[in-house]
Amino acid sequence: MHLLVRWLLAPLARLLYRPIVQGGENVPRRGPVIIASNHRAAVDTAVIALTAGRPVSFLGKAEYFTGRGPKGRALASFLSALGYVPVDRANAKAGLAALAAAREVLDGGGAFAIYPEGTRSLDGRLHRGHTGVATLALDTGAVVVPAALVGTERVQPVGTRFPRIRRVSVRYGAPLDFSRYDGLAGSSMIRRAVTDEIMDAIAVLSQQEYVDRYHQRPAA
């Protein structure tokens, strides 16, 4: 499945959508890196995976990996090939489990993508970031590459089931190094300052209006 995604599906998607990539050289090709992006549509994950220039891991619902029969096994294999890491989000300690899964990827020298807003923006604005991204950066020493996805909301607007053929842009900013805060990961003020710096960088890249409050998750 990994070979199918890499050699067939990925090139086909690039041909169809022809993503415009700016600043791709800002994503380190080796070593731990966190890609912190705005979140406009369900296809955002695929766009980052196709344009980052290296394998990238993402969090995925654990139930996607536990389906039975050929269909369930095929879905689990496909998601694994895309870089998804299963996390039980229904668990009361889902947040800790998500951080642990991401930390494992980064400790292994991998790339991990995260949406600090926590959910898709339904109003087109960039909302306050949750501090999990700062916790990961401070705990692992990974650099953070801010990223902005532009136009993905036109590929799969809220409520649509299948993606449309629309051209999108991805902008990767200069890596942010927070080693100056070594040993201060336990400070909530430091975590907030780091998160706000990351969100400021994303805002500059995306040119979205920034709203200093958390975006509410849509009702299930």
N, C-alpha and C. Protein backbone atom coordinates (compact mmCIF):
# COMPACT_ATOMS: atom_id res chain seq x y z
N MET A 1 0.82 -1.21 0.00
CA MET A 1 0.00 0.00 0.00
C MET A 1 0.86 1.27 0.00
N HIS A 2 1.97 1.22 0.73
CA HIS A 2 2.87 2.39 0.74
C HIS A 2 3.37 2.69 -0.67
N LEU A 3 3.72 1.64 -1.41
CA LEU A 3 4.21 1.84 -2.77
C LEU A 3 3.11 2.38 -3.69
N LEU A 4 1.87 1.91 -3.48
CA LEU A 4 0.74 2.39 -4.28
C LEU A 4 0.52 3.88 -4.07
N VAL A 5 0.55 4.31 -2.80
CA VAL A 5 0.36 5.72 -2.49
C VAL A 5 1.50 6.56 -3.04
N ARG A 6 2.72 6.08 -2.84
CA ARG A 6 3.90 6.87 -3.23
C ARG A 6 4.06 6.98 -4.74
N TRP A 7 3.86 5.87 -5.45
CA TRP A 7 4.19 5.86 -6.88
C TRP A 7 3.00 6.05 -7.80
N LEU A 8 1.78 5.92 -7.30
CA LEU A 8 0.62 6.06 -8.17
C LEU A 8 -0.32 7.17 -7.70
N LEU A 9 -0.83 7.05 -6.49
CA LEU A 9 -1.84 8.01 -6.02
C LEU A 9 -1.26 9.41 -5.81
N ALA A 10 -0.08 9.49 -5.22
CA ALA A 10 0.51 10.80 -4.97
C ALA A 10 0.81 11.56 -6.27
N PRO A 11 1.49 10.94 -7.25
CA PRO A 11 1.72 11.66 -8.50
C PRO A 11 0.42 12.03 -9.22
N LEU A 12 -0.60 11.15 -9.14
CA LEU A 12 -1.88 11.45 -9.78
C LEU A 12 -2.53 12.66 -9.12
N ALA A 13 -2.49 12.73 -7.80
CA ALA A 13 -3.08 13.86 -7.09
C ALA A 13 -2.35 15.16 -7.43
N ARG A 14 -1.01 15.10 -7.52
CA ARG A 14 -0.26 16.30 -7.89
C ARG A 14 -0.62 16.76 -9.30
N LEU A 15 -0.82 15.82 -10.20
CA LEU A 15 -1.17 16.15 -11.58
C LEU A 15 -2.55 16.80 -11.65
N LEU A 16 -3.50 16.28 -10.89
CA LEU A 16 -4.86 16.80 -10.92
C LEU A 16 -4.98 18.17 -10.26
N TYR A 17 -4.35 18.31 -9.10
CA TYR A 17 -4.55 19.54 -8.31
C TYR A 17 -3.45 20.58 -8.50
N ARG A 18 -2.31 20.16 -9.02
CA ARG A 18 -1.19 21.06 -9.31
C ARG A 18 -0.98 22.08 -8.19
N PRO A 19 -0.71 21.62 -6.97
CA PRO A 19 -0.55 22.55 -5.85
C PRO A 19 0.64 23.50 -6.04
N ILE A 20 0.43 24.75 -5.68
CA ILE A 20 1.50 25.75 -5.72
C ILE A 20 2.19 25.72 -4.36
N VAL A 21 3.47 25.38 -4.35
CA VAL A 21 4.21 25.26 -3.10
C VAL A 21 5.22 26.40 -2.99
N GLN A 22 5.12 27.16 -1.91
CA GLN A 22 6.06 28.24 -1.64
C GLN A 22 6.82 27.92 -0.34
N GLY A 23 8.12 28.07 -0.39
CA GLY A 23 8.92 27.84 0.81
C GLY A 23 9.14 26.38 1.14
N GLY A 24 9.01 25.50 0.17
CA GLY A 24 9.20 24.08 0.44
C GLY A 24 10.58 23.78 1.01
N GLU A 25 11.56 24.62 0.68
CA GLU A 25 12.92 24.40 1.19
C GLU A 25 13.01 24.65 2.69
N ASN A 26 11.98 25.25 3.28
CA ASN A 26 11.99 25.51 4.72
C ASN A 26 11.70 24.28 5.57
N VAL A 27 11.22 23.22 4.93
CA VAL A 27 10.95 21.97 5.67
C VAL A 27 12.23 21.16 5.69
N PRO A 28 12.86 20.99 6.87
CA PRO A 28 14.09 20.20 6.95
C PRO A 28 13.86 18.78 6.43
N ARG A 29 14.80 18.27 5.67
CA ARG A 29 14.65 16.93 5.09
C ARG A 29 14.99 15.83 6.08
N ARG A 30 15.67 16.18 7.17
CA ARG A 30 16.02 15.20 8.18
C ARG A 30 15.78 15.79 9.56
N GLY A 31 15.63 14.89 10.53
CA GLY A 31 15.48 15.31 11.91
C GLY A 31 14.05 15.63 12.27
N PRO A 32 13.78 15.74 13.58
CA PRO A 32 12.42 16.00 14.03
C PRO A 32 11.93 17.39 13.65
N VAL A 33 10.73 17.45 13.12
CA VAL A 33 10.14 18.74 12.75
C VAL A 33 8.63 18.68 12.94
N ILE A 34 8.08 19.76 13.44
CA ILE A 34 6.64 19.90 13.59
C ILE A 34 6.15 20.87 12.53
N ILE A 35 5.21 20.43 11.72
CA ILE A 35 4.58 21.32 10.75
C ILE A 35 3.26 21.78 11.36
N ALA A 36 3.17 23.06 11.66
CA ALA A 36 1.98 23.63 12.31
C ALA A 36 1.23 24.46 11.30
N SER A 37 0.00 24.05 11.00
CA SER A 37 -0.74 24.67 9.90
C SER A 37 -2.12 25.16 10.32
N ASN A 38 -2.63 26.09 9.53
CA ASN A 38 -4.05 26.43 9.64
C ASN A 38 -4.86 25.24 9.14
N HIS A 39 -6.17 25.28 9.33
CA HIS A 39 -7.00 24.12 8.98
C HIS A 39 -8.29 24.61 8.34
N ARG A 40 -8.42 24.36 7.02
CA ARG A 40 -9.57 24.87 6.28
C ARG A 40 -10.51 23.79 5.79
N ALA A 41 -10.01 22.55 5.57
CA ALA A 41 -10.86 21.51 4.99
C ALA A 41 -10.30 20.13 5.32
N ALA A 42 -11.12 19.12 5.08
CA ALA A 42 -10.71 17.74 5.37
C ALA A 42 -9.53 17.30 4.52
N VAL A 43 -9.33 17.92 3.36
CA VAL A 43 -8.24 17.51 2.47
C VAL A 43 -6.89 18.11 2.87
N ASP A 44 -6.86 18.94 3.91
CA ASP A 44 -5.61 19.60 4.30
C ASP A 44 -4.50 18.60 4.56
N THR A 45 -4.84 17.52 5.23
CA THR A 45 -3.84 16.52 5.57
C THR A 45 -3.19 15.94 4.32
N ALA A 46 -3.99 15.62 3.32
CA ALA A 46 -3.46 15.08 2.08
C ALA A 46 -2.55 16.09 1.38
N VAL A 47 -2.93 17.36 1.42
CA VAL A 47 -2.14 18.39 0.75
C VAL A 47 -0.76 18.51 1.40
N ILE A 48 -0.72 18.50 2.73
CA ILE A 48 0.57 18.57 3.42
C ILE A 48 1.40 17.35 3.10
N ALA A 49 0.77 16.17 3.13
CA ALA A 49 1.49 14.94 2.85
C ALA A 49 2.11 14.95 1.45
N LEU A 50 1.43 15.59 0.50
CA LEU A 50 1.90 15.60 -0.88
C LEU A 50 2.99 16.64 -1.15
N THR A 51 3.08 17.65 -0.29
CA THR A 51 3.96 18.78 -0.60
C THR A 51 5.11 19.00 0.37
N ALA A 52 5.14 18.27 1.49
CA ALA A 52 6.15 18.53 2.51
C ALA A 52 7.56 18.10 2.12
N GLY A 53 7.66 17.20 1.13
CA GLY A 53 8.98 16.78 0.68
C GLY A 53 9.59 15.67 1.52
N ARG A 54 8.84 15.15 2.48
CA ARG A 54 9.30 14.04 3.31
C ARG A 54 8.08 13.40 3.94
N PRO A 55 8.17 12.15 4.41
CA PRO A 55 7.02 11.54 5.06
C PRO A 55 6.59 12.33 6.30
N VAL A 56 5.29 12.49 6.45
CA VAL A 56 4.74 13.25 7.57
C VAL A 56 3.67 12.41 8.26
N SER A 57 3.67 12.43 9.58
CA SER A 57 2.67 11.70 10.36
C SER A 57 1.58 12.64 10.86
N PHE A 58 0.37 12.09 10.99
CA PHE A 58 -0.79 12.84 11.47
C PHE A 58 -1.56 11.95 12.46
N LEU A 59 -2.39 12.56 13.27
CA LEU A 59 -3.24 11.80 14.17
C LEU A 59 -4.50 11.36 13.43
N GLY A 60 -4.94 10.13 13.69
CA GLY A 60 -6.18 9.62 13.10
C GLY A 60 -6.99 8.89 14.16
N LYS A 61 -8.30 8.87 14.00
CA LYS A 61 -9.16 8.19 14.95
C LYS A 61 -8.85 6.69 14.97
N ALA A 62 -8.73 6.15 16.18
CA ALA A 62 -8.36 4.74 16.33
C ALA A 62 -9.35 3.81 15.65
N GLU A 63 -10.64 4.20 15.63
CA GLU A 63 -11.65 3.32 15.05
C GLU A 63 -11.47 3.12 13.55
N TYR A 64 -10.73 4.04 12.90
CA TYR A 64 -10.47 3.87 11.48
C TYR A 64 -9.53 2.69 11.21
N PHE A 65 -8.83 2.26 12.25
CA PHE A 65 -7.83 1.21 12.09
C PHE A 65 -8.31 -0.15 12.61
N THR A 66 -9.53 -0.19 13.10
CA THR A 66 -10.00 -1.43 13.74
C THR A 66 -11.12 -2.11 12.97
N GLY A 67 -11.40 -1.65 11.75
CA GLY A 67 -12.46 -2.26 10.95
C GLY A 67 -12.13 -3.70 10.59
N ARG A 68 -13.15 -4.51 10.49
CA ARG A 68 -12.95 -5.93 10.17
C ARG A 68 -13.19 -6.18 8.68
N GLY A 69 -12.72 -7.33 8.24
CA GLY A 69 -12.94 -7.72 6.86
C GLY A 69 -11.98 -7.03 5.92
N PRO A 70 -12.04 -7.37 4.64
CA PRO A 70 -11.12 -6.80 3.64
C PRO A 70 -11.22 -5.27 3.57
N LYS A 71 -12.44 -4.73 3.66
CA LYS A 71 -12.62 -3.28 3.56
C LYS A 71 -11.95 -2.57 4.73
N GLY A 72 -12.16 -3.10 5.94
CA GLY A 72 -11.57 -2.48 7.12
C GLY A 72 -10.05 -2.55 7.10
N ARG A 73 -9.52 -3.70 6.69
CA ARG A 73 -8.06 -3.84 6.63
C ARG A 73 -7.47 -2.95 5.55
N ALA A 74 -8.19 -2.80 4.44
CA ALA A 74 -7.71 -1.94 3.36
C ALA A 74 -7.66 -0.48 3.81
N LEU A 75 -8.69 -0.05 4.54
CA LEU A 75 -8.72 1.33 5.03
C LEU A 75 -7.57 1.58 6.00
N ALA A 76 -7.35 0.64 6.93
CA ALA A 76 -6.27 0.79 7.90
C ALA A 76 -4.92 0.85 7.19
N SER A 77 -4.72 0.02 6.19
CA SER A 77 -3.47 0.00 5.45
C SER A 77 -3.27 1.31 4.68
N PHE A 78 -4.36 1.81 4.09
CA PHE A 78 -4.28 3.04 3.31
C PHE A 78 -3.93 4.22 4.22
N LEU A 79 -4.58 4.32 5.38
CA LEU A 79 -4.31 5.42 6.30
C LEU A 79 -2.89 5.34 6.84
N SER A 80 -2.42 4.15 7.11
CA SER A 80 -1.05 3.99 7.57
C SER A 80 -0.06 4.45 6.51
N ALA A 81 -0.37 4.16 5.25
CA ALA A 81 0.49 4.58 4.15
C ALA A 81 0.52 6.10 4.00
N LEU A 82 -0.58 6.76 4.39
CA LEU A 82 -0.64 8.22 4.33
C LEU A 82 0.06 8.87 5.52
N GLY A 83 0.41 8.06 6.53
CA GLY A 83 1.13 8.61 7.68
C GLY A 83 0.28 8.81 8.92
N TYR A 84 -0.95 8.29 8.92
CA TYR A 84 -1.80 8.47 10.08
C TYR A 84 -1.35 7.58 11.24
N VAL A 85 -1.41 8.14 12.45
CA VAL A 85 -1.09 7.41 13.68
C VAL A 85 -2.39 7.28 14.47
N PRO A 86 -2.83 6.05 14.80
CA PRO A 86 -4.11 5.88 15.49
C PRO A 86 -4.07 6.38 16.94
N VAL A 87 -5.13 7.11 17.32
CA VAL A 87 -5.28 7.59 18.69
C VAL A 87 -6.74 7.46 19.08
N ASP A 88 -6.99 6.93 20.27
CA ASP A 88 -8.35 6.77 20.77
C ASP A 88 -8.84 8.10 21.32
N ARG A 89 -9.59 8.84 20.50
CA ARG A 89 -10.05 10.16 20.90
C ARG A 89 -11.25 10.12 21.83
N ALA A 90 -11.86 8.95 21.98
CA ALA A 90 -13.01 8.82 22.87
C ALA A 90 -12.57 8.64 24.31
N ASN A 91 -11.31 8.32 24.52
CA ASN A 91 -10.78 8.11 25.85
C ASN A 91 -10.69 9.43 26.60
N ALA A 92 -10.90 9.38 27.90
CA ALA A 92 -10.84 10.60 28.72
C ALA A 92 -9.46 11.24 28.67
N LYS A 93 -8.44 10.42 28.39
CA LYS A 93 -7.08 10.93 28.34
C LYS A 93 -6.61 11.04 26.89
N ALA A 94 -7.53 11.37 26.00
CA ALA A 94 -7.21 11.43 24.57
C ALA A 94 -6.12 12.45 24.28
N GLY A 95 -6.16 13.59 24.97
CA GLY A 95 -5.16 14.62 24.74
C GLY A 95 -3.76 14.14 25.06
N LEU A 96 -3.62 13.41 26.16
CA LEU A 96 -2.32 12.88 26.55
C LEU A 96 -1.87 11.80 25.57
N ALA A 97 -2.82 10.99 25.12
CA ALA A 97 -2.49 9.94 24.16
C ALA A 97 -2.01 10.55 22.85
N ALA A 98 -2.65 11.63 22.42
CA ALA A 98 -2.26 12.30 21.17
C ALA A 98 -0.85 12.86 21.28
N LEU A 99 -0.54 13.49 22.42
CA LEU A 99 0.80 14.04 22.61
C LEU A 99 1.85 12.93 22.65
N ALA A 100 1.49 11.83 23.30
CA ALA A 100 2.43 10.71 23.39
C ALA A 100 2.72 10.13 22.01
N ALA A 101 1.69 10.00 21.17
CA ALA A 101 1.87 9.47 19.81
C ALA A 101 2.74 10.41 18.98
N ALA A 102 2.48 11.70 19.10
CA ALA A 102 3.27 12.68 18.35
C ALA A 102 4.72 12.69 18.84
N ARG A 103 4.89 12.61 20.15
CA ARG A 103 6.24 12.62 20.72
C ARG A 103 7.06 11.42 20.24
N GLU A 104 6.41 10.29 20.09
CA GLU A 104 7.10 9.10 19.61
C GLU A 104 7.63 9.30 18.19
N VAL A 105 6.81 9.94 17.35
CA VAL A 105 7.24 10.23 15.98
C VAL A 105 8.45 11.15 15.98
N LEU A 106 8.38 12.21 16.78
CA LEU A 106 9.45 13.21 16.81
C LEU A 106 10.72 12.66 17.44
N ASP A 107 10.56 11.85 18.50
CA ASP A 107 11.74 11.25 19.13
C ASP A 107 12.47 10.32 18.17
N GLY A 108 11.73 9.79 17.19
CA GLY A 108 12.34 8.93 16.19
C GLY A 108 12.91 9.69 15.01
N GLY A 109 12.91 11.03 15.11
CA GLY A 109 13.47 11.86 14.05
C GLY A 109 12.52 12.13 12.90
N GLY A 110 11.22 11.89 13.11
CA GLY A 110 10.25 12.06 12.05
C GLY A 110 9.62 13.45 12.01
N ALA A 111 8.73 13.63 11.04
CA ALA A 111 7.98 14.87 10.89
C ALA A 111 6.55 14.63 11.32
N PHE A 112 6.00 15.59 12.05
CA PHE A 112 4.64 15.45 12.55
C PHE A 112 3.89 16.75 12.25
N ALA A 113 2.68 16.62 11.68
CA ALA A 113 1.87 17.79 11.35
C ALA A 113 0.74 17.94 12.36
N ILE A 114 0.45 19.17 12.73
CA ILE A 114 -0.56 19.46 13.72
C ILE A 114 -1.32 20.72 13.33
N TYR A 115 -2.60 20.77 13.69
CA TYR A 115 -3.42 21.96 13.47
C TYR A 115 -3.68 22.58 14.84
N PRO A 116 -2.93 23.61 15.24
CA PRO A 116 -3.07 24.16 16.59
C PRO A 116 -4.47 24.66 16.93
N GLU A 117 -5.26 25.03 15.91
CA GLU A 117 -6.63 25.48 16.20
C GLU A 117 -7.49 24.36 16.76
N GLY A 118 -7.12 23.12 16.46
CA GLY A 118 -7.84 21.98 17.00
C GLY A 118 -8.97 21.47 16.14
N THR A 119 -9.46 22.29 15.23
CA THR A 119 -10.54 21.90 14.34
C THR A 119 -10.55 22.81 13.13
N ARG A 120 -11.32 22.45 12.12
CA ARG A 120 -11.39 23.29 10.92
C ARG A 120 -12.04 24.63 11.22
N SER A 121 -11.55 25.66 10.57
CA SER A 121 -12.17 26.98 10.69
C SER A 121 -13.41 27.04 9.80
N LEU A 122 -14.55 27.26 10.40
CA LEU A 122 -15.80 27.33 9.64
C LEU A 122 -16.12 28.74 9.18
N ASP A 123 -15.43 29.74 9.73
CA ASP A 123 -15.72 31.12 9.34
C ASP A 123 -14.59 31.75 8.53
N GLY A 124 -13.57 30.95 8.20
CA GLY A 124 -12.48 31.46 7.37
C GLY A 124 -11.41 32.21 8.13
N ARG A 125 -11.61 32.43 9.43
CA ARG A 125 -10.63 33.16 10.22
C ARG A 125 -9.69 32.19 10.93
N LEU A 126 -8.55 32.71 11.37
CA LEU A 126 -7.58 31.92 12.11
C LEU A 126 -7.83 32.14 13.60
N HIS A 127 -8.04 31.05 14.32
CA HIS A 127 -8.40 31.15 15.73
C HIS A 127 -7.23 30.83 16.65
N ARG A 128 -7.40 31.15 17.90
CA ARG A 128 -6.37 30.95 18.93
C ARG A 128 -5.90 29.50 18.94
N GLY A 129 -4.59 29.32 19.07
CA GLY A 129 -4.03 27.97 19.06
C GLY A 129 -4.00 27.33 20.43
N HIS A 130 -4.21 26.03 20.47
CA HIS A 130 -4.05 25.27 21.71
C HIS A 130 -2.56 25.02 21.94
N THR A 131 -2.18 24.89 23.20
CA THR A 131 -0.75 24.86 23.54
C THR A 131 -0.08 23.50 23.37
N GLY A 132 -0.80 22.49 22.86
CA GLY A 132 -0.17 21.20 22.62
C GLY A 132 1.03 21.30 21.69
N VAL A 133 0.95 22.18 20.69
CA VAL A 133 2.06 22.34 19.75
C VAL A 133 3.30 22.83 20.47
N ALA A 134 3.12 23.73 21.44
CA ALA A 134 4.26 24.23 22.22
C ALA A 134 4.82 23.14 23.12
N THR A 135 3.95 22.36 23.73
CA THR A 135 4.40 21.26 24.58
C THR A 135 5.29 20.31 23.79
N LEU A 136 4.86 19.97 22.59
CA LEU A 136 5.66 19.06 21.75
C LEU A 136 7.01 19.68 21.39
N ALA A 137 7.01 20.94 20.99
CA ALA A 137 8.24 21.59 20.58
C ALA A 137 9.23 21.69 21.75
N LEU A 138 8.72 22.05 22.91
CA LEU A 138 9.59 22.23 24.07
C LEU A 138 10.09 20.90 24.62
N ASP A 139 9.23 19.88 24.59
CA ASP A 139 9.62 18.58 25.14
C ASP A 139 10.61 17.83 24.24
N THR A 140 10.48 18.01 22.93
CA THR A 140 11.30 17.22 21.99
C THR A 140 12.45 18.00 21.38
N GLY A 141 12.41 19.32 21.46
CA GLY A 141 13.45 20.13 20.82
C GLY A 141 13.28 20.25 19.32
N ALA A 142 12.16 19.78 18.79
CA ALA A 142 11.91 19.86 17.34
C ALA A 142 11.66 21.31 16.93
N VAL A 143 12.15 21.66 15.75
CA VAL A 143 11.81 22.97 15.20
C VAL A 143 10.38 22.93 14.70
N VAL A 144 9.76 24.09 14.62
CA VAL A 144 8.38 24.20 14.14
C VAL A 144 8.38 24.97 12.83
N VAL A 145 7.83 24.35 11.80
CA VAL A 145 7.67 25.03 10.51
C VAL A 145 6.22 25.47 10.38
N PRO A 146 5.95 26.79 10.42
CA PRO A 146 4.58 27.24 10.23
C PRO A 146 4.16 27.04 8.78
N ALA A 147 2.90 26.72 8.57
CA ALA A 147 2.41 26.47 7.21
C ALA A 147 1.03 27.07 7.04
N ALA A 148 0.74 27.47 5.81
CA ALA A 148 -0.57 28.03 5.49
C ALA A 148 -1.13 27.34 4.26
N LEU A 149 -2.33 26.83 4.38
CA LEU A 149 -3.05 26.23 3.27
C LEU A 149 -4.06 27.24 2.76
N VAL A 150 -4.03 27.47 1.47
CA VAL A 150 -4.90 28.47 0.85
C VAL A 150 -5.70 27.81 -0.27
N GLY A 151 -7.01 27.88 -0.18
CA GLY A 151 -7.87 27.35 -1.24
C GLY A 151 -8.40 25.96 -1.01
N THR A 152 -7.96 25.29 0.04
CA THR A 152 -8.45 23.92 0.26
C THR A 152 -9.93 23.90 0.61
N GLU A 153 -10.44 25.01 1.15
CA GLU A 153 -11.87 25.06 1.46
C GLU A 153 -12.72 25.03 0.20
N ARG A 154 -12.11 25.34 -0.95
CA ARG A 154 -12.86 25.26 -2.22
C ARG A 154 -12.83 23.85 -2.80
N VAL A 155 -11.83 23.06 -2.37
CA VAL A 155 -11.74 21.68 -2.84
C VAL A 155 -12.82 20.83 -2.20
N GLN A 156 -13.01 21.02 -0.91
CA GLN A 156 -14.03 20.24 -0.20
C GLN A 156 -14.74 21.13 0.82
N PRO A 157 -15.70 21.96 0.34
CA PRO A 157 -16.44 22.82 1.26
C PRO A 157 -17.17 21.99 2.31
N VAL A 158 -17.44 22.61 3.45
CA VAL A 158 -18.14 21.92 4.52
C VAL A 158 -19.48 21.39 4.00
N GLY A 159 -19.73 20.12 4.25
CA GLY A 159 -21.00 19.52 3.83
C GLY A 159 -20.90 18.72 2.55
N THR A 160 -19.79 18.88 1.80
CA THR A 160 -19.63 18.10 0.57
C THR A 160 -18.92 16.79 0.88
N ARG A 161 -19.26 15.77 0.13
CA ARG A 161 -18.72 14.44 0.42
C ARG A 161 -17.45 14.15 -0.36
N PHE A 162 -17.39 14.63 -1.59
CA PHE A 162 -16.25 14.30 -2.43
C PHE A 162 -15.49 15.57 -2.81
N PRO A 163 -14.16 15.50 -2.89
CA PRO A 163 -13.37 16.67 -3.25
C PRO A 163 -13.57 17.09 -4.70
N ARG A 164 -13.46 18.38 -4.94
CA ARG A 164 -13.56 18.94 -6.29
C ARG A 164 -12.16 19.24 -6.81
N ILE A 165 -12.05 19.43 -8.09
CA ILE A 165 -10.76 19.78 -8.69
C ILE A 165 -10.60 21.29 -8.63
N ARG A 166 -9.81 21.75 -7.68
CA ARG A 166 -9.50 23.17 -7.52
C ARG A 166 -8.03 23.29 -7.18
N ARG A 167 -7.37 24.31 -7.68
CA ARG A 167 -5.95 24.47 -7.39
C ARG A 167 -5.77 25.09 -6.01
N VAL A 168 -4.78 24.61 -5.28
CA VAL A 168 -4.53 25.10 -3.92
C VAL A 168 -3.08 25.57 -3.81
N SER A 169 -2.83 26.35 -2.76
CA SER A 169 -1.47 26.83 -2.48
C SER A 169 -1.07 26.40 -1.07
N VAL A 170 0.21 26.10 -0.91
CA VAL A 170 0.78 25.78 0.40
C VAL A 170 2.00 26.66 0.61
N ARG A 171 2.03 27.34 1.73
CA ARG A 171 3.17 28.21 2.04
C ARG A 171 3.83 27.72 3.33
N TYR A 172 5.11 27.40 3.22
CA TYR A 172 5.88 26.96 4.38
C TYR A 172 6.80 28.10 4.82
N GLY A 173 6.73 28.46 6.09
CA GLY A 173 7.55 29.54 6.60
C GLY A 173 8.88 29.05 7.14
N ALA A 174 9.72 30.00 7.53
CA ALA A 174 11.03 29.66 8.09
C ALA A 174 10.85 28.91 9.41
N PRO A 175 11.70 27.90 9.67
CA PRO A 175 11.60 27.13 10.90
C PRO A 175 11.76 28.02 12.14
N LEU A 176 10.98 27.73 13.15
CA LEU A 176 11.04 28.44 14.42
C LEU A 176 11.74 27.54 15.44
N ASP A 177 12.78 28.08 16.07
CA ASP A 177 13.58 27.33 17.04
C ASP A 177 13.30 27.89 18.43
N PHE A 178 12.84 27.02 19.32
CA PHE A 178 12.49 27.47 20.67
C PHE A 178 13.45 26.92 21.72
N SER A 179 14.69 26.62 21.31
CA SER A 179 15.66 26.09 22.24
C SER A 179 16.01 27.08 23.35
N ARG A 180 15.71 28.35 23.13
CA ARG A 180 15.97 29.35 24.17
C ARG A 180 15.13 29.10 25.42
N TYR A 181 14.09 28.28 25.29
CA TYR A 181 13.22 27.98 26.42
C TYR A 181 13.50 26.60 27.02
N ASP A 182 14.69 26.06 26.76
CA ASP A 182 15.03 24.74 27.31
C ASP A 182 14.82 24.72 28.82
N GLY A 183 14.15 23.67 29.29
CA GLY A 183 13.92 23.52 30.72
C GLY A 183 12.70 24.25 31.24
N LEU A 184 11.97 24.95 30.36
CA LEU A 184 10.83 25.75 30.80
C LEU A 184 9.51 25.21 30.27
N ALA A 185 9.50 23.95 29.82
CA ALA A 185 8.28 23.38 29.26
C ALA A 185 7.14 23.31 30.26
N GLY A 186 7.47 23.32 31.55
CA GLY A 186 6.43 23.24 32.58
C GLY A 186 5.71 24.54 32.83
N SER A 187 6.16 25.61 32.22
CA SER A 187 5.55 26.92 32.44
C SER A 187 4.40 27.15 31.46
N SER A 188 3.21 27.37 31.99
CA SER A 188 2.05 27.63 31.12
C SER A 188 2.23 28.94 30.36
N MET A 189 2.90 29.91 30.98
CA MET A 189 3.14 31.20 30.30
C MET A 189 4.06 31.01 29.10
N ILE A 190 5.08 30.18 29.26
CA ILE A 190 6.00 29.93 28.15
C ILE A 190 5.28 29.18 27.04
N ARG A 191 4.48 28.18 27.41
CA ARG A 191 3.74 27.43 26.38
C ARG A 191 2.80 28.33 25.61
N ARG A 192 2.16 29.26 26.30
CA ARG A 192 1.26 30.19 25.62
C ARG A 192 2.06 31.13 24.71
N ALA A 193 3.19 31.61 25.18
CA ALA A 193 4.01 32.52 24.37
C ALA A 193 4.50 31.83 23.10
N VAL A 194 4.95 30.58 23.24
CA VAL A 194 5.43 29.83 22.07
C VAL A 194 4.28 29.59 21.08
N THR A 195 3.13 29.19 21.60
CA THR A 195 1.97 28.95 20.73
C THR A 195 1.57 30.22 20.00
N ASP A 196 1.54 31.35 20.71
CA ASP A 196 1.16 32.61 20.06
C ASP A 196 2.16 33.01 18.98
N GLU A 197 3.43 32.73 19.21
CA GLU A 197 4.44 33.04 18.18
C GLU A 197 4.20 32.20 16.93
N ILE A 198 3.86 30.94 17.14
CA ILE A 198 3.57 30.05 16.01
C ILE A 198 2.33 30.53 15.27
N MET A 199 1.28 30.90 15.99
CA MET A 199 0.05 31.36 15.35
C MET A 199 0.27 32.67 14.60
N ASP A 200 1.11 33.54 15.15
CA ASP A 200 1.43 34.79 14.44
C ASP A 200 2.09 34.50 13.10
N ALA A 201 2.99 33.52 13.09
CA ALA A 201 3.68 33.15 11.85
C ALA A 201 2.70 32.56 10.83
N ILE A 202 1.77 31.74 11.32
CA ILE A 202 0.76 31.16 10.42
C ILE A 202 -0.13 32.27 9.85
N ALA A 203 -0.49 33.24 10.69
CA ALA A 203 -1.35 34.34 10.25
C ALA A 203 -0.69 35.16 9.14
N VAL A 204 0.62 35.39 9.27
CA VAL A 204 1.34 36.14 8.25
C VAL A 204 1.33 35.37 6.92
N LEU A 205 1.53 34.06 7.01
CA LEU A 205 1.57 33.24 5.79
C LEU A 205 0.19 33.11 5.15
N SER A 206 -0.84 32.92 5.97
CA SER A 206 -2.18 32.66 5.43
C SER A 206 -2.95 33.94 5.10
N GLN A 207 -2.54 35.04 5.75
CA GLN A 207 -3.23 36.34 5.59
C GLN A 207 -4.69 36.26 6.04
N GLN A 208 -4.96 35.34 6.95
CA GLN A 208 -6.30 35.26 7.52
C GLN A 208 -6.45 36.27 8.66
N GLU A 209 -7.67 36.68 8.91
CA GLU A 209 -7.96 37.50 10.08
C GLU A 209 -7.79 36.62 11.32
N TYR A 210 -7.07 37.15 12.33
CA TYR A 210 -6.83 36.37 13.54
C TYR A 210 -7.85 36.71 14.61
N VAL A 211 -8.37 35.67 15.27
CA VAL A 211 -9.35 35.83 16.34
C VAL A 211 -8.74 35.21 17.61
N ASP A 212 -8.60 36.00 18.66
CA ASP A 212 -7.93 35.52 19.86
C ASP A 212 -8.89 34.78 20.79
N ARG A 213 -9.54 33.79 20.24
CA ARG A 213 -10.36 32.87 21.04
C ARG A 213 -10.41 31.52 20.31
N TYR A 214 -10.64 30.48 21.10
CA TYR A 214 -10.66 29.14 20.52
C TYR A 214 -11.87 28.97 19.62
N HIS A 215 -11.67 28.20 18.55
CA HIS A 215 -12.78 27.87 17.66
C HIS A 215 -13.54 26.70 18.26
N GLN A 216 -14.84 26.81 18.34
CA GLN A 216 -15.65 25.73 18.87
C GLN A 216 -15.78 24.61 17.86
N ARG A 217 -15.63 23.37 18.32
CA ARG A 217 -15.80 22.22 17.44
C ARG A 217 -17.26 22.14 17.00
N PRO A 218 -17.49 21.83 15.71
CA PRO A 218 -18.88 21.68 15.24
C PRO A 218 -19.55 20.51 15.93
N ALA A 219 -20.86 20.60 16.10
CA ALA A 219 -21.61 19.53 16.73
C ALA A 219 -21.50 18.27 15.90
N ALA A 220 -21.42 17.12 16.58
CA ALA A 220 -21.30 15.85 15.87
C ALA A 220 -22.58 15.55 15.11
